[in-house]
């Protein structure tokens, strides 16, 4: 699924994202609001991931939504 659609359907998809990244808080999810760059930044900050790995994880997650 592309990130424009994810942003538009964020309320429905947020729960699936929470299952994948349980360390992120409700405030984090409110900030992310379906935006790829925000998710990548939070994955880096909270999970200590390198940017490239965080981008791959976010993209893998979005592809799994189809």
PDB file of N, CA and C in Angstrom:
ATOM      1  N   UNK A   1       0.862  -1.159   0.000  1.00  0.00           N
ATOM      2  CA  UNK A   1       0.000   0.000   0.000  1.00  0.00           C
ATOM      3  C   UNK A   1       0.914   1.228   0.000  1.00  0.00           C
ATOM      4  N   UNK A   2       0.551   2.244  -0.756  1.00  0.00           N
ATOM      5  CA  UNK A   2       1.401   3.430  -0.785  1.00  0.00           C
ATOM      6  C   UNK A   2       1.118   4.315   0.426  1.00  0.00           C
ATOM      7  N   UNK A   3       2.054   5.208   0.709  1.00  0.00           N
ATOM      8  CA  UNK A   3       1.984   6.000   1.934  1.00  0.00           C
ATOM      9  C   UNK A   3       0.890   7.049   1.892  1.00  0.00           C
ATOM     10  N   UNK A   4       0.454   7.473   0.726  1.00  0.00           N
ATOM     11  CA  UNK A   4      -0.690   8.394   0.656  1.00  0.00           C
ATOM     12  C   UNK A   4      -1.951   7.700   1.157  1.00  0.00           C
ATOM     13  N   UNK A   5      -2.142   6.460   0.750  1.00  0.00           N
ATOM     14  CA  UNK A   5      -3.306   5.698   1.213  1.00  0.00           C
ATOM     15  C   UNK A   5      -3.206   5.386   2.697  1.00  0.00           C
ATOM     16  N   UNK A   6      -1.999   5.073   3.155  1.00  0.00           N
ATOM     17  CA  UNK A   6      -1.810   4.794   4.576  1.00  0.00           C
ATOM     18  C   UNK A   6      -2.197   6.019   5.397  1.00  0.00           C
ATOM     19  N   UNK A   7      -1.740   7.195   4.961  1.00  0.00           N
ATOM     20  CA  UNK A   7      -2.092   8.424   5.672  1.00  0.00           C
ATOM     21  C   UNK A   7      -3.590   8.654   5.704  1.00  0.00           C
ATOM     22  N   UNK A   8      -4.266   8.364   4.596  1.00  0.00           N
ATOM     23  CA  UNK A   8      -5.708   8.551   4.524  1.00  0.00           C
ATOM     24  C   UNK A   8      -6.494   7.560   5.359  1.00  0.00           C
ATOM     25  N   UNK A   9      -5.916   6.400   5.601  1.00  0.00           N
ATOM     26  CA  UNK A   9      -6.593   5.350   6.362  1.00  0.00           C
ATOM     27  C   UNK A   9      -5.923   5.109   7.716  1.00  0.00           C
ATOM     28  N   UNK A  10      -5.216   6.112   8.215  1.00  0.00           N
ATOM     29  CA  UNK A  10      -4.395   5.925   9.394  1.00  0.00           C
ATOM     30  C   UNK A  10      -5.165   5.414  10.605  1.00  0.00           C
ATOM     31  N   UNK A  11      -6.369   5.920  10.820  1.00  0.00           N
ATOM     32  CA  UNK A  11      -7.126   5.477  12.000  1.00  0.00           C
ATOM     33  C   UNK A  11      -7.372   3.975  11.956  1.00  0.00           C
ATOM     34  N   UNK A  12      -7.617   3.426  10.780  1.00  0.00           N
ATOM     35  CA  UNK A  12      -7.859   1.994  10.650  1.00  0.00           C
ATOM     36  C   UNK A  12      -6.555   1.194  10.714  1.00  0.00           C
ATOM     37  N   UNK A  13      -5.450   1.766  10.239  1.00  0.00           N
ATOM     38  CA  UNK A  13      -4.194   1.032  10.134  1.00  0.00           C
ATOM     39  C   UNK A  13      -3.299   1.170  11.360  1.00  0.00           C
ATOM     40  N   UNK A  14      -3.586   2.128  12.195  1.00  0.00           N
ATOM     41  CA  UNK A  14      -2.750   2.388  13.361  1.00  0.00           C
ATOM     42  C   UNK A  14      -2.612   1.150  14.252  1.00  0.00           C
ATOM     43  N   UNK A  15      -3.681   0.420  14.432  1.00  0.00           N
ATOM     44  CA  UNK A  15      -3.623  -0.787  15.256  1.00  0.00           C
ATOM     45  C   UNK A  15      -2.667  -1.823  14.709  1.00  0.00           C
ATOM     46  N   UNK A  16      -2.638  -1.978  13.387  1.00  0.00           N
ATOM     47  CA  UNK A  16      -1.695  -2.930  12.778  1.00  0.00           C
ATOM     48  C   UNK A  16      -0.262  -2.473  12.986  1.00  0.00           C
ATOM     49  N   UNK A  17      -0.046  -1.176  12.902  1.00  0.00           N
ATOM     50  CA  UNK A  17       1.295  -0.645  13.133  1.00  0.00           C
ATOM     51  C   UNK A  17       1.711  -0.863  14.586  1.00  0.00           C
ATOM     52  N   UNK A  18       0.793  -0.671  15.506  1.00  0.00           N
ATOM     53  CA  UNK A  18       1.094  -0.861  16.926  1.00  0.00           C
ATOM     54  C   UNK A  18       1.500  -2.302  17.211  1.00  0.00           C
ATOM     55  N   UNK A  19       0.930  -3.249  16.489  1.00  0.00           N
ATOM     56  CA  UNK A  19       1.294  -4.649  16.677  1.00  0.00           C
ATOM     57  C   UNK A  19       2.741  -4.895  16.251  1.00  0.00           C
ATOM     58  N   UNK A  20       3.193  -4.168  15.252  1.00  0.00           N
ATOM     59  CA  UNK A  20       4.555  -4.345  14.751  1.00  0.00           C
ATOM     60  C   UNK A  20       5.593  -3.654  15.620  1.00  0.00           C
ATOM     61  N   UNK A  21       5.238  -2.501  16.172  1.00  0.00           N
ATOM     62  CA  UNK A  21       6.194  -1.702  16.937  1.00  0.00           C
ATOM     63  C   UNK A  21       5.567  -1.282  18.257  1.00  0.00           C
ATOM     64  N   UNK A  22       5.533  -2.200  19.181  1.00  0.00           N
ATOM     65  CA  UNK A  22       4.860  -1.990  20.458  1.00  0.00           C
ATOM     66  C   UNK A  22       5.535  -1.008  21.408  1.00  0.00           C
ATOM     67  N   UNK A  23       6.804  -0.684  21.173  1.00  0.00           N
ATOM     68  CA  UNK A  23       7.487   0.253  22.054  1.00  0.00           C
ATOM     69  C   UNK A  23       7.057   1.700  21.823  1.00  0.00           C
ATOM     70  N   UNK A  24       6.440   1.980  20.686  1.00  0.00           N
ATOM     71  CA  UNK A  24       6.022   3.350  20.397  1.00  0.00           C
ATOM     72  C   UNK A  24       4.767   3.680  21.203  1.00  0.00           C
ATOM     73  N   UNK A  25       4.716   4.877  21.724  1.00  0.00           N
ATOM     74  CA  UNK A  25       3.610   5.307  22.581  1.00  0.00           C
ATOM     75  C   UNK A  25       2.437   5.842  21.751  1.00  0.00           C
ATOM     76  N   UNK A  26       1.321   6.039  22.420  1.00  0.00           N
ATOM     77  CA  UNK A  26       0.164   6.644  21.745  1.00  0.00           C
ATOM     78  C   UNK A  26       0.518   8.028  21.207  1.00  0.00           C
ATOM     79  N   UNK A  27       1.310   8.772  21.955  1.00  0.00           N
ATOM     80  CA  UNK A  27       1.743  10.090  21.479  1.00  0.00           C
ATOM     81  C   UNK A  27       2.590   9.969  20.216  1.00  0.00           C
ATOM     82  N   UNK A  28       3.450   8.942  20.176  1.00  0.00           N
ATOM     83  CA  UNK A  28       4.246   8.710  18.966  1.00  0.00           C
ATOM     84  C   UNK A  28       3.333   8.461  17.773  1.00  0.00           C
ATOM     85  N   UNK A  29       2.321   7.613  17.964  1.00  0.00           N
ATOM     86  CA  UNK A  29       1.415   7.283  16.858  1.00  0.00           C
ATOM     87  C   UNK A  29       0.624   8.497  16.415  1.00  0.00           C
ATOM     88  N   UNK A  30       0.243   9.347  17.358  1.00  0.00           N
ATOM     89  CA  UNK A  30      -0.462  10.572  16.988  1.00  0.00           C
ATOM     90  C   UNK A  30       0.434  11.493  16.172  1.00  0.00           C
ATOM     91  N   UNK A  31       1.720  11.523  16.484  1.00  0.00           N
ATOM     92  CA  UNK A  31       2.665  12.332  15.734  1.00  0.00           C
ATOM     93  C   UNK A  31       2.919  11.752  14.341  1.00  0.00           C
ATOM     94  N   UNK A  32       3.011  10.448  14.256  1.00  0.00           N
ATOM     95  CA  UNK A  32       3.309   9.783  12.976  1.00  0.00           C
ATOM     96  C   UNK A  32       2.187   9.998  11.964  1.00  0.00           C
ATOM     97  N   UNK A  33       0.940   9.788  12.375  1.00  0.00           N
ATOM     98  CA  UNK A  33      -0.244  10.014  11.528  1.00  0.00           C
ATOM     99  C   UNK A  33      -0.118   9.450  10.112  1.00  0.00           C
ATOM    100  N   UNK A  34       0.533   8.312   9.976  1.00  0.00           N
ATOM    101  CA  UNK A  34       0.623   7.668   8.669  1.00  0.00           C
ATOM    102  C   UNK A  34       1.691   8.225   7.756  1.00  0.00           C
ATOM    103  N   UNK A  35       2.599   9.016   8.285  1.00  0.00           N
ATOM    104  CA  UNK A  35       3.664   9.607   7.477  1.00  0.00           C
ATOM    105  C   UNK A  35       4.913   8.743   7.574  1.00  0.00           C
ATOM    106  N   UNK A  36       5.424   8.341   6.433  1.00  0.00           N
ATOM    107  CA  UNK A  36       6.582   7.455   6.379  1.00  0.00           C
ATOM    108  C   UNK A  36       7.779   8.050   7.098  1.00  0.00           C
ATOM    109  N   UNK A  37       8.114   9.289   6.811  1.00  0.00           N
ATOM    110  CA  UNK A  37       9.302   9.902   7.404  1.00  0.00           C
ATOM    111  C   UNK A  37       9.201   9.994   8.921  1.00  0.00           C
ATOM    112  N   UNK A  38       8.013  10.261   9.420  1.00  0.00           N
ATOM    113  CA  UNK A  38       7.826  10.314  10.879  1.00  0.00           C
ATOM    114  C   UNK A  38       8.023   8.930  11.487  1.00  0.00           C
ATOM    115  N   UNK A  39       7.489   7.904  10.835  1.00  0.00           N
ATOM    116  CA  UNK A  39       7.661   6.539  11.331  1.00  0.00           C
ATOM    117  C   UNK A  39       9.131   6.145  11.304  1.00  0.00           C
ATOM    118  N   UNK A  40       9.805   6.433  10.226  1.00  0.00           N
ATOM    119  CA  UNK A  40      11.228   6.097  10.123  1.00  0.00           C
ATOM    120  C   UNK A  40      12.014   6.774  11.246  1.00  0.00           C
ATOM    121  N   UNK A  41      11.741   8.039  11.492  1.00  0.00           N
ATOM    122  CA  UNK A  41      12.433   8.752  12.562  1.00  0.00           C
ATOM    123  C   UNK A  41      12.184   8.149  13.926  1.00  0.00           C
ATOM    124  N   UNK A  42      10.952   7.756  14.185  1.00  0.00           N
ATOM    125  CA  UNK A  42      10.633   7.143  15.479  1.00  0.00           C
ATOM    126  C   UNK A  42      11.283   5.772  15.614  1.00  0.00           C
ATOM    127  N   UNK A  43      11.329   5.007  14.532  1.00  0.00           N
ATOM    128  CA  UNK A  43      11.991   3.702  14.592  1.00  0.00           C
ATOM    129  C   UNK A  43      13.473   3.869  14.896  1.00  0.00           C
ATOM    130  N   UNK A  44      14.067   4.899  14.327  1.00  0.00           N
ATOM    131  CA  UNK A  44      15.474   5.175  14.618  1.00  0.00           C
ATOM    132  C   UNK A  44      15.663   5.550  16.089  1.00  0.00           C
ATOM    133  N   UNK A  45      14.831   6.456  16.569  1.00  0.00           N
ATOM    134  CA  UNK A  45      14.992   6.974  17.920  1.00  0.00           C
ATOM    135  C   UNK A  45      14.678   5.929  18.994  1.00  0.00           C
ATOM    136  N   UNK A  46      13.567   5.228  18.834  1.00  0.00           N
ATOM    137  CA  UNK A  46      13.104   4.324  19.884  1.00  0.00           C
ATOM    138  C   UNK A  46      13.800   2.965  19.827  1.00  0.00           C
ATOM    139  N   UNK A  47      14.006   2.459  18.610  1.00  0.00           N
ATOM    140  CA  UNK A  47      14.597   1.126  18.467  1.00  0.00           C
ATOM    141  C   UNK A  47      16.096   1.159  18.181  1.00  0.00           C
ATOM    142  N   UNK A  48      16.663   2.361  17.989  1.00  0.00           N
ATOM    143  CA  UNK A  48      18.092   2.467  17.732  1.00  0.00           C
ATOM    144  C   UNK A  48      18.504   1.910  16.382  1.00  0.00           C
ATOM    145  N   UNK A  49      17.618   1.976  15.419  1.00  0.00           N
ATOM    146  CA  UNK A  49      17.903   1.431  14.093  1.00  0.00           C
ATOM    147  C   UNK A  49      18.648   2.461  13.246  1.00  0.00           C
ATOM    148  N   UNK A  50      19.476   1.967  12.344  1.00  0.00           N
ATOM    149  CA  UNK A  50      20.072   2.822  11.322  1.00  0.00           C
ATOM    150  C   UNK A  50      18.964   3.282  10.391  1.00  0.00           C
ATOM    151  N   UNK A  51      19.138   4.434   9.758  1.00  0.00           N
ATOM    152  CA  UNK A  51      18.101   4.991   8.896  1.00  0.00           C
ATOM    153  C   UNK A  51      17.691   4.003   7.795  1.00  0.00           C
ATOM    154  N   UNK A  52      18.662   3.377   7.159  1.00  0.00           N
ATOM    155  CA  UNK A  52      18.351   2.455   6.063  1.00  0.00           C
ATOM    156  C   UNK A  52      17.497   1.283   6.542  1.00  0.00           C
ATOM    157  N   UNK A  53      17.818   0.751   7.717  1.00  0.00           N
ATOM    158  CA  UNK A  53      17.039  -0.366   8.252  1.00  0.00           C
ATOM    159  C   UNK A  53      15.637   0.089   8.627  1.00  0.00           C
ATOM    160  N   UNK A  54      15.520   1.260   9.218  1.00  0.00           N
ATOM    161  CA  UNK A  54      14.207   1.786   9.590  1.00  0.00           C
ATOM    162  C   UNK A  54      13.354   2.006   8.339  1.00  0.00           C
ATOM    163  N   UNK A  55      13.965   2.487   7.262  1.00  0.00           N
ATOM    164  CA  UNK A  55      13.233   2.675   6.003  1.00  0.00           C
ATOM    165  C   UNK A  55      12.774   1.335   5.442  1.00  0.00           C
ATOM    166  N   UNK A  56      13.652   0.333   5.476  1.00  0.00           N
ATOM    167  CA  UNK A  56      13.269  -1.006   4.993  1.00  0.00           C
ATOM    168  C   UNK A  56      12.126  -1.577   5.825  1.00  0.00           C
ATOM    169  N   UNK A  57      12.212  -1.430   7.137  1.00  0.00           N
ATOM    170  CA  UNK A  57      11.154  -1.953   8.011  1.00  0.00           C
ATOM    171  C   UNK A  57       9.815  -1.277   7.715  1.00  0.00           C
ATOM    172  N   UNK A  58       9.837   0.039   7.561  1.00  0.00           N
ATOM    173  CA  UNK A  58       8.599   0.772   7.262  1.00  0.00           C
ATOM    174  C   UNK A  58       8.037   0.353   5.903  1.00  0.00           C
ATOM    175  N   UNK A  59       8.900   0.208   4.922  1.00  0.00           N
ATOM    176  CA  UNK A  59       8.442  -0.179   3.585  1.00  0.00           C
ATOM    177  C   UNK A  59       7.937  -1.622   3.555  1.00  0.00           C
ATOM    178  N   UNK A  60       8.619  -2.508   4.262  1.00  0.00           N
ATOM    179  CA  UNK A  60       8.156  -3.892   4.353  1.00  0.00           C
ATOM    180  C   UNK A  60       6.772  -3.954   4.997  1.00  0.00           C
ATOM    181  N   UNK A  61       6.581  -3.186   6.050  1.00  0.00           N
ATOM    182  CA  UNK A  61       5.278  -3.134   6.720  1.00  0.00           C
ATOM    183  C   UNK A  61       4.202  -2.637   5.763  1.00  0.00           C
ATOM    184  N   UNK A  62       4.494  -1.580   5.031  1.00  0.00           N
ATOM    185  CA  UNK A  62       3.480  -1.001   4.123  1.00  0.00           C
ATOM    186  C   UNK A  62       3.137  -1.973   2.989  1.00  0.00           C
ATOM    187  N   UNK A  63       4.123  -2.712   2.496  1.00  0.00           N
ATOM    188  CA  UNK A  63       3.846  -3.700   1.444  1.00  0.00           C
ATOM    189  C   UNK A  63       2.972  -4.841   1.960  1.00  0.00           C
ATOM    190  N   UNK A  64       3.115  -5.166   3.225  1.00  0.00           N
ATOM    191  CA  UNK A  64       2.311  -6.236   3.817  1.00  0.00           C
ATOM    192  C   UNK A  64       0.842  -5.877   4.022  1.00  0.00           C
ATOM    193  N   UNK A  65       0.491  -4.629   3.800  1.00  0.00           N
ATOM    194  CA  UNK A  65      -0.900  -4.190   3.984  1.00  0.00           C
ATOM    195  C   UNK A  65      -1.766  -4.475   2.780  1.00  0.00           C
ATOM    196  N   UNK A  66      -1.202  -4.800   1.649  1.00  0.00           N
ATOM    197  CA  UNK A  66      -1.986  -5.030   0.435  1.00  0.00           C
ATOM    198  C   UNK A  66      -2.885  -6.221   0.521  1.00  0.00           C
TER     199      UNK A  66
END
